[in-house]
Amino acid sequence: MSMLLSYWIIGIAEATSCYLPSTPLTPYNVLEIAKVETQRGCEVLCDAQTTCAGFSFKDSTFSSSCVLLSTSIPNANCAIPTEIMLKTITGCVARTNITAEFGVDPCIDEMAPMVLQIGKPGPICPISNGKVYIIRAIDETGRRHTFDNDIMSWMEKSGDMWLYRFDMNPYPQTVIPIIAATCAIAGGVKCPCAP
């Protein structure tokens, strides 16, 4: 009897653009205003539009907003300069800190980024000080996910992102590209339905 294993892997492309903070004195034309979960959501929207030069992002608990910007407005000045993220395709560096882009998460009571382990099979977030963690992550599209902290899961670096892997034979392997993650405790404060 032969055993057939099936795997599905989502391909990952290296970042072709990146966004650098800027506080220009010149205003920009607005392309679109959208609700997003994370700053990465703004990046995905801006990357999808060739006329997008950058964006302004407001990170708030349940209603983060993204203002996509196009060209600067000539002969105009901002009354109050505001930080925006401008798109560039040169000088982009690979992500090195998996927790850096995590932002405000509406569903966790406590974050513990220091216990997150990359590249080791076993629990990604080992039990620490008697605390049992879940994994909160942001995928390549900017959506938030909760992953079980199972001994059959691990994370590894892959180019500009990380891969969350869950492998429980004989079931198919799950592989999800992520740009940020943290170990977390979901409790009754922000998530009354949490375990």
N, C-alpha and C. Protein backbone atom coordinates (compact mmCIF):
# COMPACT_ATOMS: atom_id res chain seq x y z
N MET A 1 0.85 -1.17 0.00
CA MET A 1 0.00 0.00 0.00
C MET A 1 0.89 1.24 0.00
N SER A 2 0.64 2.14 -0.89
CA SER A 2 1.44 3.36 -0.93
C SER A 2 0.66 4.51 -0.32
N MET A 3 1.38 5.39 0.26
CA MET A 3 0.77 6.55 0.90
C MET A 3 1.00 7.77 0.02
N LEU A 4 -0.07 8.46 -0.30
CA LEU A 4 0.03 9.63 -1.15
C LEU A 4 -0.13 10.87 -0.29
N LEU A 5 0.86 11.70 -0.29
CA LEU A 5 0.80 12.95 0.46
C LEU A 5 0.52 14.08 -0.51
N SER A 6 -0.37 14.94 -0.12
CA SER A 6 -0.63 16.11 -0.98
C SER A 6 -0.22 17.36 -0.23
N TYR A 7 0.37 18.28 -0.94
CA TYR A 7 0.84 19.52 -0.37
C TYR A 7 0.28 20.67 -1.18
N TRP A 8 -0.04 21.79 -0.50
CA TRP A 8 -0.34 23.00 -1.25
C TRP A 8 0.49 24.11 -0.66
N ILE A 9 1.13 24.82 -1.54
CA ILE A 9 2.03 25.90 -1.15
C ILE A 9 1.68 27.12 -1.97
N ILE A 10 1.56 28.23 -1.28
CA ILE A 10 1.28 29.48 -1.98
C ILE A 10 2.62 30.11 -2.31
N GLY A 11 2.81 30.44 -3.57
CA GLY A 11 4.08 31.02 -4.00
C GLY A 11 4.31 32.39 -3.42
N ILE A 12 5.54 32.73 -3.20
CA ILE A 12 5.90 34.02 -2.64
C ILE A 12 6.85 34.72 -3.58
N ALA A 13 6.55 35.94 -3.89
CA ALA A 13 7.43 36.76 -4.72
C ALA A 13 8.19 37.73 -3.82
N GLU A 14 9.38 38.00 -4.18
CA GLU A 14 10.14 39.02 -3.46
C GLU A 14 9.44 40.36 -3.61
N ALA A 15 9.59 41.21 -2.64
CA ALA A 15 8.95 42.53 -2.70
C ALA A 15 9.50 43.31 -3.88
N THR A 16 8.61 43.84 -4.71
CA THR A 16 9.04 44.66 -5.84
C THR A 16 8.91 46.13 -5.51
N SER A 17 8.23 46.43 -4.45
CA SER A 17 8.12 47.81 -4.00
C SER A 17 8.16 47.81 -2.48
N CYS A 18 8.45 48.96 -1.93
CA CYS A 18 8.40 49.13 -0.49
C CYS A 18 7.94 50.55 -0.21
N TYR A 19 7.64 50.82 1.02
CA TYR A 19 7.06 52.11 1.40
C TYR A 19 7.89 52.74 2.50
N LEU A 20 8.32 53.97 2.23
CA LEU A 20 9.17 54.68 3.18
C LEU A 20 8.41 55.85 3.77
N PRO A 21 8.55 56.08 5.08
CA PRO A 21 7.85 57.20 5.69
C PRO A 21 8.39 58.54 5.18
N SER A 22 7.48 59.49 5.00
CA SER A 22 7.85 60.82 4.52
C SER A 22 6.85 61.82 5.11
N THR A 23 7.31 63.02 5.36
CA THR A 23 6.44 64.10 5.83
C THR A 23 6.60 65.27 4.87
N PRO A 24 5.97 65.17 3.70
CA PRO A 24 6.15 66.21 2.68
C PRO A 24 5.36 67.48 3.02
N LEU A 25 5.85 68.59 2.50
CA LEU A 25 5.14 69.86 2.65
C LEU A 25 4.12 70.05 1.53
N THR A 26 4.24 69.25 0.47
CA THR A 26 3.34 69.33 -0.68
C THR A 26 2.22 68.30 -0.53
N PRO A 27 0.95 68.69 -0.70
CA PRO A 27 -0.14 67.72 -0.60
C PRO A 27 -0.22 66.82 -1.84
N TYR A 28 -0.91 65.72 -1.71
CA TYR A 28 -1.10 64.75 -2.79
C TYR A 28 -2.59 64.62 -3.11
N ASN A 29 -2.89 64.29 -4.36
CA ASN A 29 -4.27 64.00 -4.75
C ASN A 29 -4.69 62.66 -4.17
N VAL A 30 -5.96 62.56 -3.76
CA VAL A 30 -6.49 61.33 -3.19
C VAL A 30 -7.06 60.46 -4.31
N LEU A 31 -6.61 59.20 -4.33
CA LEU A 31 -7.12 58.21 -5.29
C LEU A 31 -8.35 57.49 -4.74
N GLU A 32 -8.23 57.09 -3.49
CA GLU A 32 -9.26 56.22 -2.91
C GLU A 32 -9.11 56.22 -1.39
N ILE A 33 -10.22 56.03 -0.69
CA ILE A 33 -10.20 55.84 0.76
C ILE A 33 -10.80 54.46 1.02
N ALA A 34 -10.11 53.65 1.82
CA ALA A 34 -10.57 52.28 2.05
C ALA A 34 -10.39 51.90 3.51
N LYS A 35 -11.21 50.98 3.97
CA LYS A 35 -11.06 50.37 5.29
C LYS A 35 -10.17 49.14 5.11
N VAL A 36 -9.18 49.02 5.96
CA VAL A 36 -8.26 47.88 5.91
C VAL A 36 -8.01 47.39 7.32
N GLU A 37 -7.48 46.19 7.45
CA GLU A 37 -7.14 45.66 8.77
C GLU A 37 -5.76 46.11 9.23
N THR A 38 -4.83 46.26 8.27
CA THR A 38 -3.43 46.52 8.62
C THR A 38 -2.79 47.44 7.59
N GLN A 39 -1.61 47.94 7.94
CA GLN A 39 -0.86 48.76 6.98
C GLN A 39 -0.53 47.95 5.73
N ARG A 40 -0.27 46.68 5.89
CA ARG A 40 0.00 45.82 4.73
C ARG A 40 -1.17 45.85 3.75
N GLY A 41 -2.40 45.96 4.25
CA GLY A 41 -3.56 46.08 3.38
C GLY A 41 -3.46 47.29 2.48
N CYS A 42 -2.94 48.41 3.02
CA CYS A 42 -2.72 49.62 2.20
C CYS A 42 -1.68 49.36 1.13
N GLU A 43 -0.60 48.68 1.50
CA GLU A 43 0.46 48.38 0.54
C GLU A 43 -0.08 47.56 -0.63
N VAL A 44 -0.91 46.57 -0.33
CA VAL A 44 -1.48 45.72 -1.38
C VAL A 44 -2.37 46.54 -2.31
N LEU A 45 -3.21 47.41 -1.73
CA LEU A 45 -4.08 48.27 -2.56
C LEU A 45 -3.26 49.21 -3.44
N CYS A 46 -2.22 49.81 -2.87
CA CYS A 46 -1.39 50.75 -3.62
C CYS A 46 -0.61 50.02 -4.72
N ASP A 47 -0.07 48.85 -4.41
CA ASP A 47 0.67 48.08 -5.41
C ASP A 47 -0.21 47.70 -6.60
N ALA A 48 -1.51 47.56 -6.37
CA ALA A 48 -2.43 47.15 -7.43
C ALA A 48 -2.78 48.29 -8.38
N GLN A 49 -2.41 49.52 -8.02
CA GLN A 49 -2.74 50.68 -8.87
C GLN A 49 -1.46 51.36 -9.33
N THR A 50 -1.24 51.40 -10.61
CA THR A 50 -0.01 52.00 -11.14
C THR A 50 0.08 53.49 -10.84
N THR A 51 -1.04 54.16 -10.64
CA THR A 51 -1.02 55.60 -10.37
C THR A 51 -0.85 55.92 -8.89
N CYS A 52 -0.78 54.91 -8.05
CA CYS A 52 -0.64 55.14 -6.60
C CYS A 52 0.82 55.46 -6.27
N ALA A 53 1.03 56.61 -5.63
CA ALA A 53 2.37 57.04 -5.24
C ALA A 53 2.67 56.72 -3.79
N GLY A 54 1.63 56.43 -3.01
CA GLY A 54 1.80 56.15 -1.60
C GLY A 54 0.47 56.19 -0.89
N PHE A 55 0.51 56.23 0.43
CA PHE A 55 -0.73 56.23 1.19
C PHE A 55 -0.53 56.84 2.57
N SER A 56 -1.64 57.18 3.18
CA SER A 56 -1.69 57.59 4.57
C SER A 56 -2.48 56.51 5.29
N PHE A 57 -1.99 56.06 6.44
CA PHE A 57 -2.63 54.96 7.16
C PHE A 57 -2.89 55.36 8.60
N LYS A 58 -4.10 55.11 9.07
CA LYS A 58 -4.44 55.35 10.48
C LYS A 58 -4.79 54.01 11.09
N ASP A 59 -3.96 53.56 12.02
CA ASP A 59 -4.12 52.25 12.66
C ASP A 59 -4.98 52.42 13.91
N SER A 60 -6.19 51.92 13.87
CA SER A 60 -7.03 51.96 15.06
C SER A 60 -7.67 50.59 15.25
N THR A 61 -8.17 50.36 16.43
CA THR A 61 -8.59 49.03 16.82
C THR A 61 -9.55 48.35 15.86
N PHE A 62 -10.70 48.93 15.58
CA PHE A 62 -11.67 48.24 14.72
C PHE A 62 -11.94 48.94 13.41
N SER A 63 -11.28 50.05 13.14
CA SER A 63 -11.62 50.81 11.95
C SER A 63 -10.39 51.50 11.38
N SER A 64 -9.41 50.72 10.96
CA SER A 64 -8.21 51.30 10.35
C SER A 64 -8.55 51.79 8.96
N SER A 65 -7.99 52.94 8.60
CA SER A 65 -8.30 53.50 7.29
C SER A 65 -7.04 53.76 6.49
N CYS A 66 -7.23 53.72 5.17
CA CYS A 66 -6.14 53.88 4.23
C CYS A 66 -6.56 54.90 3.19
N VAL A 67 -5.74 55.92 2.99
CA VAL A 67 -5.99 56.92 1.95
C VAL A 67 -4.90 56.74 0.91
N LEU A 68 -5.29 56.26 -0.27
CA LEU A 68 -4.33 56.08 -1.36
C LEU A 68 -4.11 57.42 -2.05
N LEU A 69 -2.84 57.72 -2.35
CA LEU A 69 -2.46 59.01 -2.91
C LEU A 69 -1.86 58.83 -4.31
N SER A 70 -2.12 59.83 -5.16
CA SER A 70 -1.53 59.78 -6.50
C SER A 70 -0.45 60.85 -6.61
N THR A 71 -0.59 61.78 -7.50
CA THR A 71 0.45 62.79 -7.74
C THR A 71 0.38 63.92 -6.73
N SER A 72 1.52 64.56 -6.54
CA SER A 72 1.54 65.72 -5.66
C SER A 72 0.87 66.90 -6.37
N ILE A 73 0.33 67.80 -5.57
CA ILE A 73 -0.37 68.97 -6.11
C ILE A 73 0.65 70.11 -6.22
N PRO A 74 0.94 70.56 -7.45
CA PRO A 74 1.96 71.61 -7.62
C PRO A 74 1.49 72.94 -7.03
N ASN A 75 2.45 73.73 -6.61
CA ASN A 75 2.21 75.08 -6.08
C ASN A 75 1.24 75.09 -4.90
N ALA A 76 1.28 74.06 -4.08
CA ALA A 76 0.43 74.01 -2.88
C ALA A 76 1.28 73.54 -1.72
N ASN A 77 0.89 73.93 -0.53
CA ASN A 77 1.60 73.54 0.69
C ASN A 77 0.62 72.97 1.69
N CYS A 78 1.08 72.02 2.48
CA CYS A 78 0.26 71.45 3.53
C CYS A 78 0.24 72.40 4.72
N ALA A 79 -0.94 72.67 5.24
CA ALA A 79 -1.05 73.51 6.44
C ALA A 79 -0.41 72.79 7.62
N ILE A 80 -0.68 71.50 7.72
CA ILE A 80 -0.09 70.68 8.78
C ILE A 80 0.51 69.45 8.11
N PRO A 81 1.83 69.38 7.99
CA PRO A 81 2.45 68.21 7.36
C PRO A 81 2.09 66.93 8.11
N THR A 82 1.77 65.89 7.36
CA THR A 82 1.36 64.61 7.92
C THR A 82 2.25 63.52 7.35
N GLU A 83 2.60 62.55 8.20
CA GLU A 83 3.43 61.45 7.70
C GLU A 83 2.63 60.57 6.75
N ILE A 84 3.21 60.29 5.61
CA ILE A 84 2.64 59.36 4.64
C ILE A 84 3.71 58.32 4.30
N MET A 85 3.30 57.28 3.62
CA MET A 85 4.23 56.25 3.17
C MET A 85 4.31 56.35 1.65
N LEU A 86 5.51 56.67 1.14
CA LEU A 86 5.70 56.81 -0.30
C LEU A 86 6.28 55.54 -0.90
N LYS A 87 5.74 55.15 -2.05
CA LYS A 87 6.17 53.93 -2.73
C LYS A 87 7.52 54.16 -3.41
N THR A 88 8.38 53.17 -3.31
CA THR A 88 9.65 53.18 -4.03
C THR A 88 9.92 51.76 -4.53
N ILE A 89 10.71 51.65 -5.57
CA ILE A 89 11.08 50.32 -6.07
C ILE A 89 12.59 50.10 -5.98
N THR A 90 13.28 51.07 -5.37
CA THR A 90 14.73 50.93 -5.20
C THR A 90 15.07 50.97 -3.72
N GLY A 91 16.12 50.30 -3.36
CA GLY A 91 16.60 50.33 -1.98
C GLY A 91 15.72 49.57 -1.01
N CYS A 92 14.85 48.70 -1.51
CA CYS A 92 13.98 47.92 -0.63
C CYS A 92 14.80 46.82 0.05
N VAL A 93 14.64 46.69 1.32
CA VAL A 93 15.37 45.66 2.07
C VAL A 93 14.39 44.61 2.56
N ALA A 94 14.86 43.40 2.71
CA ALA A 94 14.01 42.31 3.18
C ALA A 94 13.62 42.54 4.63
N ARG A 95 12.44 42.08 4.97
CA ARG A 95 11.98 42.15 6.36
C ARG A 95 12.90 41.27 7.20
N THR A 96 13.25 41.76 8.38
CA THR A 96 14.08 40.97 9.28
C THR A 96 13.44 40.80 10.65
N ASN A 97 12.44 41.61 10.98
CA ASN A 97 11.79 41.54 12.29
C ASN A 97 10.34 41.13 12.08
N ILE A 98 10.01 39.92 12.47
CA ILE A 98 8.67 39.39 12.21
C ILE A 98 7.58 40.11 13.00
N THR A 99 7.92 40.81 14.06
CA THR A 99 6.90 41.51 14.85
C THR A 99 6.79 42.99 14.52
N ALA A 100 7.69 43.52 13.69
CA ALA A 100 7.76 44.97 13.47
C ALA A 100 6.50 45.57 12.85
N GLU A 101 5.84 44.85 11.96
CA GLU A 101 4.69 45.41 11.24
C GLU A 101 3.36 44.94 11.80
N PHE A 102 3.35 44.51 13.05
CA PHE A 102 2.13 43.91 13.60
C PHE A 102 1.01 44.91 13.86
N GLY A 103 1.34 46.08 14.36
CA GLY A 103 0.32 47.12 14.55
C GLY A 103 -0.64 46.84 15.69
N VAL A 104 -1.79 47.52 15.66
CA VAL A 104 -2.82 47.41 16.70
C VAL A 104 -3.70 46.21 16.38
N ASP A 105 -3.83 45.29 17.32
CA ASP A 105 -4.67 44.10 17.10
C ASP A 105 -5.87 44.16 18.04
N PRO A 106 -7.08 44.13 17.49
CA PRO A 106 -8.27 44.26 18.31
C PRO A 106 -8.62 43.02 19.13
N CYS A 107 -7.97 41.90 18.86
CA CYS A 107 -8.43 40.64 19.46
C CYS A 107 -7.47 39.98 20.44
N ILE A 108 -6.47 40.68 20.89
CA ILE A 108 -5.59 40.03 21.86
C ILE A 108 -5.42 40.90 23.09
N ASP A 109 -5.31 40.24 24.23
CA ASP A 109 -5.13 40.95 25.49
C ASP A 109 -3.66 41.20 25.79
N GLU A 110 -2.80 40.29 25.35
CA GLU A 110 -1.38 40.42 25.66
C GLU A 110 -0.55 39.86 24.52
N MET A 111 0.46 40.61 24.11
CA MET A 111 1.40 40.13 23.08
C MET A 111 2.70 39.72 23.77
N ALA A 112 3.32 38.68 23.25
CA ALA A 112 4.60 38.22 23.77
C ALA A 112 5.53 37.90 22.60
N PRO A 113 5.98 38.93 21.88
CA PRO A 113 6.81 38.67 20.69
C PRO A 113 8.14 38.01 21.01
N MET A 114 8.62 38.17 22.25
CA MET A 114 9.93 37.64 22.58
C MET A 114 9.99 36.12 22.67
N VAL A 115 8.84 35.45 22.77
CA VAL A 115 8.88 33.99 22.87
C VAL A 115 8.70 33.30 21.52
N LEU A 116 8.37 34.04 20.47
CA LEU A 116 8.15 33.47 19.14
C LEU A 116 9.43 32.86 18.60
N GLN A 117 9.34 31.61 18.13
CA GLN A 117 10.51 30.90 17.61
C GLN A 117 10.38 30.67 16.12
N ILE A 118 11.42 31.00 15.39
CA ILE A 118 11.45 30.82 13.93
C ILE A 118 12.39 29.66 13.61
N GLY A 119 11.96 28.79 12.69
CA GLY A 119 12.84 27.75 12.17
C GLY A 119 12.93 26.49 12.99
N LYS A 120 12.23 26.41 14.11
CA LYS A 120 12.30 25.20 14.93
C LYS A 120 10.99 24.44 14.84
N PRO A 121 11.02 23.15 14.56
CA PRO A 121 9.78 22.38 14.63
C PRO A 121 9.29 22.36 16.07
N GLY A 122 8.01 22.29 16.24
CA GLY A 122 7.43 22.29 17.57
C GLY A 122 6.61 23.53 17.78
N PRO A 123 6.15 23.76 18.97
CA PRO A 123 5.33 24.95 19.16
C PRO A 123 6.10 26.22 18.79
N ILE A 124 5.47 27.08 18.04
CA ILE A 124 6.09 28.35 17.66
C ILE A 124 6.21 29.26 18.87
N CYS A 125 5.24 29.14 19.77
CA CYS A 125 5.22 29.95 21.00
C CYS A 125 5.22 29.00 22.19
N PRO A 126 6.39 28.63 22.71
CA PRO A 126 6.44 27.69 23.83
C PRO A 126 5.74 28.27 25.06
N ILE A 127 5.22 27.38 25.89
CA ILE A 127 4.60 27.82 27.14
C ILE A 127 5.67 28.53 27.95
N SER A 128 5.34 29.72 28.44
CA SER A 128 6.30 30.53 29.20
C SER A 128 5.59 31.08 30.43
N ASN A 129 6.19 30.89 31.58
CA ASN A 129 5.60 31.35 32.84
C ASN A 129 4.17 30.84 33.01
N GLY A 130 3.92 29.61 32.56
CA GLY A 130 2.60 29.01 32.69
C GLY A 130 1.56 29.54 31.73
N LYS A 131 1.95 30.38 30.78
CA LYS A 131 1.01 30.97 29.84
C LYS A 131 0.99 30.16 28.54
N VAL A 132 -0.21 29.88 28.06
CA VAL A 132 -0.39 29.17 26.80
C VAL A 132 -0.76 30.20 25.74
N TYR A 133 -0.03 30.21 24.64
CA TYR A 133 -0.19 31.24 23.62
C TYR A 133 -0.90 30.72 22.37
N ILE A 134 -1.47 31.66 21.64
CA ILE A 134 -1.92 31.44 20.27
C ILE A 134 -0.96 32.23 19.39
N ILE A 135 -1.07 32.06 18.09
CA ILE A 135 -0.26 32.84 17.15
C ILE A 135 -1.19 33.77 16.39
N ARG A 136 -0.89 35.06 16.44
CA ARG A 136 -1.64 36.03 15.63
C ARG A 136 -0.69 36.45 14.51
N ALA A 137 -1.19 36.47 13.29
CA ALA A 137 -0.33 36.76 12.14
C ALA A 137 -1.06 37.62 11.12
N ILE A 138 -0.27 38.28 10.28
CA ILE A 138 -0.78 39.06 9.16
C ILE A 138 -0.25 38.40 7.89
N ASP A 139 -1.17 38.04 7.00
CA ASP A 139 -0.74 37.36 5.78
C ASP A 139 -0.28 38.37 4.73
N GLU A 140 0.13 37.86 3.58
CA GLU A 140 0.70 38.71 2.53
C GLU A 140 -0.30 39.70 1.95
N THR A 141 -1.60 39.48 2.17
CA THR A 141 -2.62 40.41 1.67
C THR A 141 -3.01 41.46 2.70
N GLY A 142 -2.50 41.31 3.94
CA GLY A 142 -2.83 42.28 4.99
C GLY A 142 -3.94 41.83 5.92
N ARG A 143 -4.42 40.60 5.79
CA ARG A 143 -5.48 40.08 6.66
C ARG A 143 -4.87 39.46 7.90
N ARG A 144 -5.59 39.58 9.02
CA ARG A 144 -5.15 38.98 10.28
C ARG A 144 -5.69 37.55 10.41
N HIS A 145 -4.88 36.69 11.03
CA HIS A 145 -5.26 35.29 11.25
C HIS A 145 -4.86 34.88 12.66
N THR A 146 -5.58 33.91 13.18
CA THR A 146 -5.20 33.25 14.43
C THR A 146 -4.85 31.81 14.08
N PHE A 147 -3.66 31.37 14.51
CA PHE A 147 -3.22 30.01 14.27
C PHE A 147 -3.06 29.29 15.60
N ASP A 148 -3.36 27.98 15.58
CA ASP A 148 -3.11 27.17 16.75
C ASP A 148 -1.62 27.07 16.97
N ASN A 149 -1.24 27.00 18.21
CA ASN A 149 0.16 26.86 18.59
C ASN A 149 0.44 25.38 18.80
N ASP A 150 0.46 24.65 17.73
CA ASP A 150 0.53 23.20 17.76
C ASP A 150 1.96 22.72 17.59
N ILE A 151 2.26 21.53 18.12
CA ILE A 151 3.62 21.00 17.95
C ILE A 151 3.91 20.61 16.51
N MET A 152 2.87 20.53 15.68
CA MET A 152 3.05 20.19 14.27
C MET A 152 3.22 21.43 13.40
N SER A 153 3.38 22.58 14.00
CA SER A 153 3.51 23.81 13.22
C SER A 153 4.88 24.43 13.45
N TRP A 154 5.32 25.21 12.48
CA TRP A 154 6.57 25.95 12.61
C TRP A 154 6.58 27.11 11.65
N MET A 155 7.50 28.04 11.84
CA MET A 155 7.68 29.16 10.93
C MET A 155 9.11 29.17 10.44
N GLU A 156 9.25 29.60 9.20
CA GLU A 156 10.59 29.72 8.64
C GLU A 156 10.66 30.95 7.76
N LYS A 157 11.84 31.50 7.61
CA LYS A 157 12.07 32.68 6.77
C LYS A 157 12.10 32.25 5.32
N SER A 158 11.48 33.06 4.46
CA SER A 158 11.48 32.76 3.03
C SER A 158 11.52 34.07 2.26
N GLY A 159 12.70 34.46 1.83
CA GLY A 159 12.84 35.72 1.09
C GLY A 159 12.43 36.91 1.92
N ASP A 160 11.43 37.64 1.45
CA ASP A 160 10.98 38.85 2.12
C ASP A 160 9.89 38.59 3.16
N MET A 161 9.49 37.33 3.32
CA MET A 161 8.42 37.00 4.25
C MET A 161 8.80 35.79 5.07
N TRP A 162 7.84 35.31 5.83
CA TRP A 162 7.98 34.08 6.58
C TRP A 162 6.88 33.14 6.12
N LEU A 163 7.06 31.86 6.37
CA LEU A 163 6.04 30.87 6.06
C LEU A 163 5.57 30.23 7.35
N TYR A 164 4.26 30.20 7.55
CA TYR A 164 3.67 29.42 8.63
C TYR A 164 3.35 28.06 8.03
N ARG A 165 3.84 27.01 8.66
CA ARG A 165 3.61 25.66 8.14
C ARG A 165 2.92 24.82 9.21
N PHE A 166 1.96 24.06 8.76
CA PHE A 166 1.30 23.09 9.64
C PHE A 166 1.28 21.77 8.89
N ASP A 167 1.85 20.74 9.48
CA ASP A 167 2.01 19.47 8.80
C ASP A 167 1.56 18.34 9.72
N MET A 168 0.42 17.74 9.41
CA MET A 168 -0.08 16.64 10.22
C MET A 168 -0.46 15.50 9.27
N ASN A 169 0.49 14.60 9.05
CA ASN A 169 0.23 13.47 8.16
C ASN A 169 -0.93 12.66 8.70
N PRO A 170 -1.80 12.15 7.88
CA PRO A 170 -1.76 12.06 6.44
C PRO A 170 -2.44 13.24 5.75
N TYR A 171 -2.76 14.28 6.47
CA TYR A 171 -3.46 15.42 5.88
C TYR A 171 -2.50 16.31 5.09
N PRO A 172 -3.03 17.08 4.14
CA PRO A 172 -2.17 17.97 3.36
C PRO A 172 -1.46 19.00 4.24
N GLN A 173 -0.28 19.36 3.84
CA GLN A 173 0.47 20.38 4.54
C GLN A 173 -0.13 21.75 4.21
N THR A 174 -0.26 22.58 5.20
CA THR A 174 -0.74 23.94 5.01
C THR A 174 0.44 24.88 5.08
N VAL A 175 0.58 25.77 4.10
CA VAL A 175 1.66 26.74 4.09
C VAL A 175 1.05 28.10 3.79
N ILE A 176 1.27 29.07 4.68
CA ILE A 176 0.69 30.40 4.50
C ILE A 176 1.79 31.44 4.60
N PRO A 177 1.99 32.26 3.57
CA PRO A 177 2.98 33.34 3.64
C PRO A 177 2.49 34.44 4.58
N ILE A 178 3.35 34.89 5.47
CA ILE A 178 2.98 35.97 6.38
C ILE A 178 4.06 37.04 6.40
N ILE A 179 3.67 38.25 6.79
CA ILE A 179 4.64 39.34 6.89
C ILE A 179 4.88 39.77 8.34
N ALA A 180 4.00 39.35 9.25
CA ALA A 180 4.19 39.69 10.66
C ALA A 180 3.46 38.67 11.52
N ALA A 181 4.00 38.42 12.71
CA ALA A 181 3.36 37.49 13.64
C ALA A 181 3.84 37.78 15.05
N THR A 182 3.06 37.33 16.01
CA THR A 182 3.44 37.44 17.41
C THR A 182 2.76 36.33 18.20
N CYS A 183 3.36 35.96 19.31
CA CYS A 183 2.69 35.09 20.25
C CYS A 183 1.74 35.97 21.05
N ALA A 184 0.58 35.44 21.39
CA ALA A 184 -0.43 36.27 22.04
C ALA A 184 -1.30 35.47 22.98
N ILE A 185 -1.93 36.19 23.88
CA ILE A 185 -2.94 35.60 24.75
C ILE A 185 -4.25 36.28 24.42
N ALA A 186 -5.22 35.46 24.03
CA ALA A 186 -6.56 35.98 23.79
C ALA A 186 -7.37 35.69 25.04
N GLY A 187 -7.88 36.73 25.64
CA GLY A 187 -8.62 36.55 26.88
C GLY A 187 -9.96 37.24 26.82
N GLY A 188 -10.61 37.28 27.96
CA GLY A 188 -11.95 37.84 28.05
C GLY A 188 -12.04 39.34 27.93
N VAL A 189 -10.93 40.06 27.95
CA VAL A 189 -10.99 41.51 27.90
C VAL A 189 -11.40 41.99 26.51
N LYS A 190 -10.67 41.58 25.48
CA LYS A 190 -10.97 42.03 24.12
C LYS A 190 -11.75 41.01 23.32
N CYS A 191 -11.64 39.76 23.69
CA CYS A 191 -12.34 38.69 22.96
C CYS A 191 -13.10 37.83 23.96
N PRO A 192 -14.33 38.20 24.27
CA PRO A 192 -15.09 37.45 25.28
C PRO A 192 -15.28 35.98 24.93
N CYS A 193 -15.17 35.63 23.66
CA CYS A 193 -15.36 34.23 23.24
C CYS A 193 -14.06 33.45 23.25
N ALA A 194 -12.97 34.06 23.64
CA ALA A 194 -11.66 33.40 23.58
C ALA A 194 -11.61 32.23 24.56
N PRO A 195 -10.80 31.23 24.24
CA PRO A 195 -10.66 30.07 25.14
C PRO A 195 -9.98 30.46 26.44
